[in-house]
C-alpha atoms as a PDB file:
ATOM      1  CA  ALA A   1       8.183  13.463  17.020  1.00  0.00           C
ATOM      2  CA  ALA A   2       9.988  16.821  17.160  1.00  0.00           C
ATOM      3  CA  LEU A   3       8.775  19.813  18.919  1.00  0.00           C
ATOM      4  CA  THR A   4       9.679  23.315  17.519  1.00  0.00           C
ATOM      5  CA  LYS A   5      10.065  26.179  19.938  1.00  0.00           C
ATOM      6  CA  GLY A   6      11.300  29.573  19.668  1.00  0.00           C
ATOM      7  CA  ALA A   7      14.829  30.656  20.768  1.00  0.00           C
ATOM      8  CA  GLY A   8      13.940  31.952  24.264  1.00  0.00           C
ATOM      9  CA  GLU A   9      11.629  29.069  25.370  1.00  0.00           C
ATOM     10  CA  GLU A  10      12.472  26.548  28.188  1.00  0.00           C
ATOM     11  CA  ARG A  11      14.685  23.707  27.239  1.00  0.00           C
ATOM     12  CA  SER A  12      13.033  20.336  26.956  1.00  0.00           C
ATOM     13  CA  MET A  13      14.417  17.083  26.224  1.00  0.00           C
ATOM     14  CA  ILE A  14      17.339  17.148  23.784  1.00  0.00           C
ATOM     15  CA  GLN A  15      17.767  20.496  22.217  1.00  0.00           C
ATOM     16  CA  LEU A  16      18.563  20.593  18.586  1.00  0.00           C
ATOM     17  CA  VAL A  17      19.890  24.114  17.568  1.00  0.00           C
ATOM     18  CA  GLN A  18      19.759  24.625  13.648  1.00  0.00           C
ATOM     19  CA  PHE A  19      18.781  26.848  10.780  1.00  0.00           C
ATOM     20  CA  ALA A  20      15.111  27.087   9.927  1.00  0.00           C
ATOM     21  CA  PRO A  21      13.608  24.728   7.477  1.00  0.00           C
ATOM     22  CA  ALA A  22      14.108  25.974   3.928  1.00  0.00           C
ATOM     23  CA  PHE A  23      13.911  24.893   0.287  1.00  0.00           C
ATOM     24  CA  GLY A  24      10.849  22.755   1.158  1.00  0.00           C
ATOM     25  CA  LEU A  25      13.366  20.491   3.123  1.00  0.00           C
ATOM     26  CA  PRO A  26      13.628  19.744   6.612  1.00  0.00           C
ATOM     27  CA  ASN A  27      16.839  22.047   6.370  1.00  0.00           C
ATOM     28  CA  ALA A  28      18.793  23.670   3.754  1.00  0.00           C
ATOM     29  CA  SER A  29      22.106  22.683   5.768  1.00  0.00           C
ATOM     30  CA  PRO A  30      22.897  18.983   5.164  1.00  0.00           C
ATOM     31  CA  PHE A  31      24.628  18.889   8.459  1.00  0.00           C
ATOM     32  CA  CYS A  32      21.574  20.224  10.301  1.00  0.00           C
ATOM     33  CA  MET A  33      19.302  17.835   8.262  1.00  0.00           C
ATOM     34  CA  LYS A  34      21.664  14.973   9.002  1.00  0.00           C
ATOM     35  CA  LEU A  35      21.537  15.417  12.704  1.00  0.00           C
ATOM     36  CA  GLU A  36      17.780  15.874  12.637  1.00  0.00           C
ATOM     37  CA  ILE A  37      16.978  12.806  10.808  1.00  0.00           C
ATOM     38  CA  TRP A  38      19.643  10.845  12.906  1.00  0.00           C
ATOM     39  CA  LEU A  39      17.484  11.825  16.073  1.00  0.00           C
ATOM     40  CA  ARG A  40      14.350  10.583  14.439  1.00  0.00           C
ATOM     41  CA  MET A  41      16.197   7.398  13.231  1.00  0.00           C
ATOM     42  CA  ALA A  42      17.498   6.897  17.059  1.00  0.00           C
ATOM     43  CA  GLY A  43      14.033   7.377  18.266  1.00  0.00           C
ATOM     44  CA  LEU A  44      15.173  10.307  20.772  1.00  0.00           C
ATOM     45  CA  PRO A  45      12.784  12.876  21.707  1.00  0.00           C
ATOM     46  CA  TYR A  46      14.120  16.289  20.835  1.00  0.00           C
ATOM     47  CA  THR A  47      13.173  19.916  20.678  1.00  0.00           C
ATOM     48  CA  ALA A  48      14.064  21.918  17.351  1.00  0.00           C
ATOM     49  CA  VAL A  49      15.267  25.370  17.922  1.00  0.00           C
ATOM     50  CA  ASN A  50      15.294  26.836  14.456  1.00  0.00           C
ATOM     51  CA  ASP A  51      17.057  30.179  14.829  1.00  0.00           C
ATOM     52  CA  SER A  52      19.997  31.346  12.678  1.00  0.00           C
ATOM     53  CA  MET A  53      20.902  33.902  15.115  1.00  0.00           C
ATOM     54  CA  ARG A  54      22.172  31.325  17.518  1.00  0.00           C
ATOM     55  CA  VAL A  55      25.157  30.748  15.080  1.00  0.00           C
ATOM     56  CA  MET A  56      26.502  33.978  16.745  1.00  0.00           C
ATOM     57  CA  LYS A  57      26.880  32.182  19.915  1.00  0.00           C
ATOM     58  CA  ALA A  58      27.319  28.690  18.858  1.00  0.00           C
ATOM     59  CA  PRO A  59      30.067  26.747  20.736  1.00  0.00           C
ATOM     60  CA  LYS A  60      32.155  26.643  17.436  1.00  0.00           C
ATOM     61  CA  GLY A  61      30.509  29.422  15.613  1.00  0.00           C
ATOM     62  CA  LYS A  62      28.539  27.049  13.398  1.00  0.00           C
ATOM     63  CA  LEU A  63      25.123  25.251  13.449  1.00  0.00           C
ATOM     64  CA  PRO A  64      24.027  22.563  14.226  1.00  0.00           C
ATOM     65  CA  TYR A  65      24.737  21.820  17.934  1.00  0.00           C
ATOM     66  CA  ILE A  66      22.843  20.016  20.572  1.00  0.00           C
ATOM     67  CA  VAL A  67      22.288  20.664  24.297  1.00  0.00           C
ATOM     68  CA  ASP A  68      21.700  17.215  25.646  1.00  0.00           C
ATOM     69  CA  ASP A  69      18.981  16.665  28.318  1.00  0.00           C
ATOM     70  CA  ASP A  70      21.615  17.004  31.182  1.00  0.00           C
ATOM     71  CA  GLY A  71      22.712  20.409  29.756  1.00  0.00           C
ATOM     72  CA  THR A  72      25.870  19.251  27.947  1.00  0.00           C
ATOM     73  CA  GLN A  73      26.663  21.261  24.728  1.00  0.00           C
ATOM     74  CA  VAL A  74      28.121  19.368  21.820  1.00  0.00           C
ATOM     75  CA  ALA A  75      28.988  21.212  18.444  1.00  0.00           C
ATOM     76  CA  ASP A  76      29.416  19.431  15.112  1.00  0.00           C
ATOM     77  CA  SER A  77      26.882  17.025  13.850  1.00  0.00           C
ATOM     78  CA  THR A  78      29.287  13.965  13.946  1.00  0.00           C
ATOM     79  CA  LEU A  79      30.378  14.552  17.378  1.00  0.00           C
ATOM     80  CA  ALA A  80      26.887  15.145  18.605  1.00  0.00           C
ATOM     81  CA  ILE A  81      25.836  11.877  17.098  1.00  0.00           C
ATOM     82  CA  GLU A  82      28.850  10.136  18.710  1.00  0.00           C
ATOM     83  CA  HIS A  83      27.948  11.753  22.110  1.00  0.00           C
ATOM     84  CA  LEU A  84      24.257  10.851  21.969  1.00  0.00           C
ATOM     85  CA  THR A  85      25.065   7.363  20.767  1.00  0.00           C
ATOM     86  CA  ARG A  86      27.278   6.736  23.844  1.00  0.00           C
ATOM     87  CA  ARG A  87      25.038   8.358  26.455  1.00  0.00           C
ATOM     88  CA  HIS A  88      21.658   7.065  25.329  1.00  0.00           C
ATOM     89  CA  GLY A  89      22.848   3.742  24.044  1.00  0.00           C
ATOM     90  CA  VAL A  90      21.723   4.205  20.529  1.00  0.00           C
ATOM     91  CA  PRO A  91      22.036   0.723  18.640  1.00  0.00           C
ATOM     92  CA  LEU A  92      21.859   1.952  14.846  1.00  0.00           C
ATOM     93  CA  ASP A  93      25.311   0.771  13.956  1.00  0.00           C
ATOM     94  CA  ALA A  94      25.407  -2.110  16.468  1.00  0.00           C
ATOM     95  CA  ALA A  95      25.200  -4.888  13.773  1.00  0.00           C
ATOM     96  CA  LEU A  96      27.879  -3.381  11.349  1.00  0.00           C
ATOM     97  CA  THR A  97      31.187  -5.419  10.924  1.00  0.00           C
ATOM     98  CA  PRO A  98      34.305  -3.697  11.258  1.00  0.00           C
ATOM     99  CA  ALA A  99      34.642  -3.823   7.424  1.00  0.00           C
ATOM    100  CA  GLU A 100      31.184  -2.393   7.018  1.00  0.00           C
ATOM    101  CA  ARG A 101      32.085   0.491   9.501  1.00  0.00           C
ATOM    102  CA  GLY A 102      35.038   1.298   7.313  1.00  0.00           C
ATOM    103  CA  VAL A 103      32.875   1.392   4.220  1.00  0.00           C
ATOM    104  CA  ALA A 104      30.410   3.628   6.061  1.00  0.00           C
ATOM    105  CA  THR A 105      33.140   6.013   7.193  1.00  0.00           C
ATOM    106  CA  ALA A 106      34.535   6.385   3.635  1.00  0.00           C
ATOM    107  CA  PHE A 107      31.082   7.084   2.148  1.00  0.00           C
ATOM    108  CA  GLN A 108      30.558   9.646   5.026  1.00  0.00           C
ATOM    109  CA  ARG A 109      33.829  11.298   4.070  1.00  0.00           C
ATOM    110  CA  LEU A 110      32.794  11.322   0.358  1.00  0.00           C
ATOM    111  CA  PHE A 111      29.613  13.399   1.215  1.00  0.00           C
ATOM    112  CA  GLU A 112      30.948  15.589   3.856  1.00  0.00           C
ATOM    113  CA  GLU A 113      34.414  16.386   2.642  1.00  0.00           C
ATOM    114  CA  ASN A 114      34.135  16.403  -0.975  1.00  0.00           C
ATOM    115  CA  LEU A 115      30.670  16.385  -2.458  1.00  0.00           C
ATOM    116  CA  TYR A 116      29.849  18.877   0.140  1.00  0.00           C
ATOM    117  CA  TRP A 117      32.277  21.458  -1.350  1.00  0.00           C
ATOM    118  CA  ALA A 118      30.814  21.096  -4.784  1.00  0.00           C
ATOM    119  CA  MET A 119      27.249  21.582  -3.502  1.00  0.00           C
ATOM    120  CA  ILE A 120      28.527  24.757  -1.707  1.00  0.00           C
ATOM    121  CA  HIS A 121      29.953  25.948  -4.983  1.00  0.00           C
ATOM    122  CA  THR A 122      26.406  25.711  -6.566  1.00  0.00           C
ATOM    123  CA  ARG A 123      24.924  27.623  -3.770  1.00  0.00           C
ATOM    124  CA  TRP A 124      27.374  30.270  -2.656  1.00  0.00           C
ATOM    125  CA  ALA A 125      29.502  30.864  -5.700  1.00  0.00           C
ATOM    126  CA  ASP A 126      26.868  30.687  -8.481  1.00  0.00           C
ATOM    127  CA  PRO A 127      24.740  33.967  -8.585  1.00  0.00           C
ATOM    128  CA  ALA A 128      21.279  31.993  -8.858  1.00  0.00           C
ATOM    129  CA  GLY A 129      22.247  29.701  -5.997  1.00  0.00           C
ATOM    130  CA  TRP A 130      23.470  32.547  -3.861  1.00  0.00           C
ATOM    131  CA  ALA A 131      20.217  34.370  -4.212  1.00  0.00           C
ATOM    132  CA  LEU A 132      18.433  31.262  -2.722  1.00  0.00           C
ATOM    133  CA  THR A 133      21.096  30.569  -0.026  1.00  0.00           C
ATOM    134  CA  GLN A 134      21.078  34.025   1.210  1.00  0.00           C
ATOM    135  CA  GLN A 135      17.330  34.030   1.832  1.00  0.00           C
ATOM    136  CA  ALA A 136      17.468  30.528   3.332  1.00  0.00           C
ATOM    137  CA  PHE A 137      20.112  31.184   5.908  1.00  0.00           C
ATOM    138  CA  PHE A 138      20.022  34.922   6.589  1.00  0.00           C
ATOM    139  CA  GLY A 139      16.520  36.136   5.476  1.00  0.00           C
ATOM    140  CA  ASP A 140      15.237  36.208   9.229  1.00  0.00           C
ATOM    141  CA  MET A 141      18.027  38.258  10.495  1.00  0.00           C
ATOM    142  CA  PRO A 142      17.147  41.650  11.657  1.00  0.00           C
ATOM    143  CA  ALA A 143      18.443  44.827  10.094  1.00  0.00           C
ATOM    144  CA  PRO A 144      21.185  45.805  10.160  1.00  0.00           C
ATOM    145  CA  LEU A 145      22.657  42.465  10.435  1.00  0.00           C
ATOM    146  CA  ARG A 146      21.147  41.055   7.359  1.00  0.00           C
ATOM    147  CA  TRP A 147      22.833  43.932   5.283  1.00  0.00           C
ATOM    148  CA  PHE A 148      26.280  42.758   5.929  1.00  0.00           C
ATOM    149  CA  VAL A 149      26.408  39.353   7.570  1.00  0.00           C
ATOM    150  CA  PRO A 150      25.539  37.596   4.451  1.00  0.00           C
ATOM    151  CA  MET A 151      28.293  39.231   2.370  1.00  0.00           C
ATOM    152  CA  LEU A 152      30.946  38.349   5.225  1.00  0.00           C
ATOM    153  CA  ALA A 153      29.710  34.911   5.444  1.00  0.00           C
ATOM    154  CA  ARG A 154      29.850  34.408   1.642  1.00  0.00           C
ATOM    155  CA  ARG A 155      33.329  35.741   1.521  1.00  0.00           C
ATOM    156  CA  GLY A 156      34.248  33.365   4.284  1.00  0.00           C
ATOM    157  CA  VAL A 157      32.835  30.351   2.647  1.00  0.00           C
ATOM    158  CA  LEU A 158      34.357  30.975  -0.714  1.00  0.00           C
ATOM    159  CA  ALA A 159      37.812  31.296   1.023  1.00  0.00           C
ATOM    160  CA  GLN A 160      37.292  28.115   2.887  1.00  0.00           C
ATOM    161  CA  MET A 161      36.339  26.313  -0.412  1.00  0.00           C
ATOM    162  CA  ARG A 162      39.543  27.714  -1.950  1.00  0.00           C
ATOM    163  CA  GLY A 163      41.542  26.704   0.958  1.00  0.00           C
ATOM    164  CA  GLN A 164      40.143  23.167   1.020  1.00  0.00           C
ATOM    165  CA  GLY A 165      41.108  22.979  -2.676  1.00  0.00           C
ATOM    166  CA  LEU A 166      38.129  22.390  -4.770  1.00  0.00           C
ATOM    167  CA  GLY A 167      37.541  25.921  -5.290  1.00  0.00           C
ATOM    168  CA  ARG A 168      40.775  26.338  -7.288  1.00  0.00           C
ATOM    169  CA  HIS A 169      39.207  24.340 -10.030  1.00  0.00           C
ATOM    170  CA  ARG A 170      37.309  25.336 -13.030  1.00  0.00           C
ATOM    171  CA  VAL A 171      33.483  25.056 -12.708  1.00  0.00           C
ATOM    172  CA  GLU A 172      33.291  22.189 -15.224  1.00  0.00           C
ATOM    173  CA  GLU A 173      35.829  20.310 -13.220  1.00  0.00           C
ATOM    174  CA  ILE A 174      34.012  20.807  -9.901  1.00  0.00           C
ATOM    175  CA  HIS A 175      30.891  19.521 -11.268  1.00  0.00           C
ATOM    176  CA  ALA A 176      32.734  16.446 -12.913  1.00  0.00           C
ATOM    177  CA  ILE A 177      34.276  15.628  -9.642  1.00  0.00           C
ATOM    178  CA  ALA A 178      30.813  15.711  -7.881  1.00  0.00           C
ATOM    179  CA  CYS A 179      29.115  13.724 -10.516  1.00  0.00           C
ATOM    180  CA  ARG A 180      31.753  10.909  -9.960  1.00  0.00           C
ATOM    181  CA  ASP A 181      30.823  10.989  -6.256  1.00  0.00           C
ATOM    182  CA  LEU A 182      27.132  10.835  -7.187  1.00  0.00           C
ATOM    183  CA  THR A 183      27.717   7.795  -9.491  1.00  0.00           C
ATOM    184  CA  ALA A 184      29.749   5.995  -6.920  1.00  0.00           C
ATOM    185  CA  VAL A 185      26.831   6.296  -4.409  1.00  0.00           C
ATOM    186  CA  ALA A 186      24.307   5.157  -6.822  1.00  0.00           C
ATOM    187  CA  ASP A 187      26.498   2.088  -7.989  1.00  0.00           C
ATOM    188  CA  PHE A 188      26.969   1.085  -4.398  1.00  0.00           C
ATOM    189  CA  LEU A 189      23.404   1.653  -3.406  1.00  0.00           C
ATOM    190  CA  ALA A 190      22.074  -0.426  -6.363  1.00  0.00           C
ATOM    191  CA  ASP A 191      18.998  -2.170  -5.264  1.00  0.00           C
ATOM    192  CA  LYS A 192      19.622  -2.264  -1.722  1.00  0.00           C
ATOM    193  CA  PRO A 193      16.982  -0.502   0.464  1.00  0.00           C
ATOM    194  CA  PHE A 194      19.773   1.376   2.411  1.00  0.00           C
ATOM    195  CA  LEU A 195      23.306   2.054   1.942  1.00  0.00           C
ATOM    196  CA  MET A 196      24.501  -0.645   4.091  1.00  0.00           C
ATOM    197  CA  GLY A 197      21.963  -3.230   3.422  1.00  0.00           C
ATOM    198  CA  GLU A 198      18.606  -3.987   4.695  1.00  0.00           C
ATOM    199  CA  ALA A 199      18.557  -1.844   7.757  1.00  0.00           C
ATOM    200  CA  PRO A 200      19.275   1.945   8.103  1.00  0.00           C
ATOM    201  CA  THR A 201      22.413   3.046   9.901  1.00  0.00           C
ATOM    202  CA  THR A 202      24.083   6.410  10.622  1.00  0.00           C
ATOM    203  CA  VAL A 203      25.501   6.766   7.166  1.00  0.00           C
ATOM    204  CA  ASP A 204      22.096   6.826   5.763  1.00  0.00           C
ATOM    205  CA  ALA A 205      21.428  10.082   7.771  1.00  0.00           C
ATOM    206  CA  VAL A 206      24.430  11.518   6.017  1.00  0.00           C
ATOM    207  CA  ALA A 207      23.497  10.234   2.626  1.00  0.00           C
ATOM    208  CA  TYR A 208      19.775  11.295   2.824  1.00  0.00           C
ATOM    209  CA  ALA A 209      20.681  14.805   3.987  1.00  0.00           C
ATOM    210  CA  PHE A 210      22.995  15.457   1.253  1.00  0.00           C
ATOM    211  CA  LEU A 211      21.146  13.828  -1.549  1.00  0.00           C
ATOM    212  CA  ALA A 212      17.915  15.335  -0.731  1.00  0.00           C
ATOM    213  CA  ASN A 213      19.653  18.677  -0.728  1.00  0.00           C
ATOM    214  CA  ILE A 214      20.861  18.068  -4.219  1.00  0.00           C
ATOM    215  CA  LEU A 215      17.794  16.513  -5.626  1.00  0.00           C
ATOM    216  CA  TRP A 216      15.061  18.420  -4.081  1.00  0.00           C
ATOM    217  CA  ALA A 217      16.290  21.963  -3.353  1.00  0.00           C
ATOM    218  CA  PRO A 218      14.694  24.256  -6.053  1.00  0.00           C
ATOM    219  CA  LEU A 219      17.881  24.978  -7.875  1.00  0.00           C
ATOM    220  CA  ASP A 220      18.823  23.416 -11.291  1.00  0.00           C
ATOM    221  CA  THR A 221      22.323  22.285 -11.204  1.00  0.00           C
ATOM    222  CA  PRO A 222      24.590  19.670 -12.942  1.00  0.00           C
ATOM    223  CA  LEU A 223      24.714  17.806  -9.842  1.00  0.00           C
ATOM    224  CA  ARG A 224      20.887  17.657  -9.631  1.00  0.00           C
ATOM    225  CA  ARG A 225      20.495  16.511 -13.281  1.00  0.00           C
ATOM    226  CA  HIS A 226      23.083  13.887 -12.744  1.00  0.00           C
ATOM    227  CA  ALA A 227      21.379  12.595  -9.658  1.00  0.00           C
ATOM    228  CA  GLN A 228      17.988  12.670 -11.353  1.00  0.00           C
ATOM    229  CA  ALA A 229      19.383  10.505 -14.030  1.00  0.00           C
ATOM    230  CA  ARG A 230      20.120   7.791 -11.415  1.00  0.00           C
ATOM    231  CA  PRO A 231      16.732   6.473 -10.301  1.00  0.00           C
ATOM    232  CA  ALA A 232      18.235   4.660  -7.306  1.00  0.00           C
ATOM    233  CA  LEU A 233      19.089   7.946  -5.631  1.00  0.00           C
ATOM    234  CA  GLU A 234      15.573   9.466  -5.892  1.00  0.00           C
ATOM    235  CA  ALA A 235      13.990   6.061  -4.741  1.00  0.00           C
ATOM    236  CA  TYR A 236      16.331   5.913  -1.873  1.00  0.00           C
ATOM    237  CA  CYS A 237      15.380   9.599  -0.819  1.00  0.00           C
ATOM    238  CA  GLY A 238      11.789   8.604  -1.120  1.00  0.00           C
ATOM    239  CA  ARG A 239      12.125   5.694   1.206  1.00  0.00           C
ATOM    240  CA  MET A 240      13.959   7.700   3.849  1.00  0.00           C
ATOM    241  CA  LYS A 241      11.344  10.570   3.836  1.00  0.00           C
ATOM    242  CA  ALA A 242       8.526   8.074   3.960  1.00  0.00           C
ATOM    243  CA  ARG A 243      10.026   6.277   6.882  1.00  0.00           C
ATOM    244  CA  TYR A 244      11.094   9.312   9.003  1.00  0.00           C
ATOM    245  CA  TYR A 245       9.129  12.118   7.810  1.00  0.00           C
ATOM    246  CA  ALA A 246       5.627  10.684   7.072  1.00  0.00           C
ATOM    247  CA  GLY A 247       2.890  12.774   8.325  1.00  0.00           C
END
């Protein structure tokens, strides 16, 4: 189980630096949530440092990042998982065939490089979504930072979304692209317990983090309605929650 400490407390075990939980989820950032559930899946003891102010000094200017138990800092959720897998001998993906690894990588890209930006649009561009996002990520910042940091961050995220390309589409087109992604995930999952079959693997940390953030965040969006219409996705998230967050 994770221990949660404040920003100034002594480091113990692996340190996971992330945003605070929000939206009734372990984290409103799918990348923070991905890394935390992966640590639980891997059975690695960790200390969660839930402090949005750490983003100001984060190695790559983003959360999450980890400080391994030997003091090594690794930014980026995927690079952190790769580092921890090597250093601690985590066997989560050991049984995957080369073809299965290829499929898992493709689905990770679907979530992180495409569906992510559509979800970002619902949270950072849409006014109702932005009201929730601003509170979730910046609500604990002290004055005067919370007066201007959210606006600067929003401007930067929307510029990134336009640079990535998705932000150049009409809203209806963005939603349609995301719904095709969700349909692909539901069709591939079908009646399997986990994405790659009978046992959970790293890609399930990715999938659960993104799907739960779409299904269970308190924001009614076309993405959420589309996912809700595919019972396999809700059932999958329920299995992951029961397995790794029970109690």
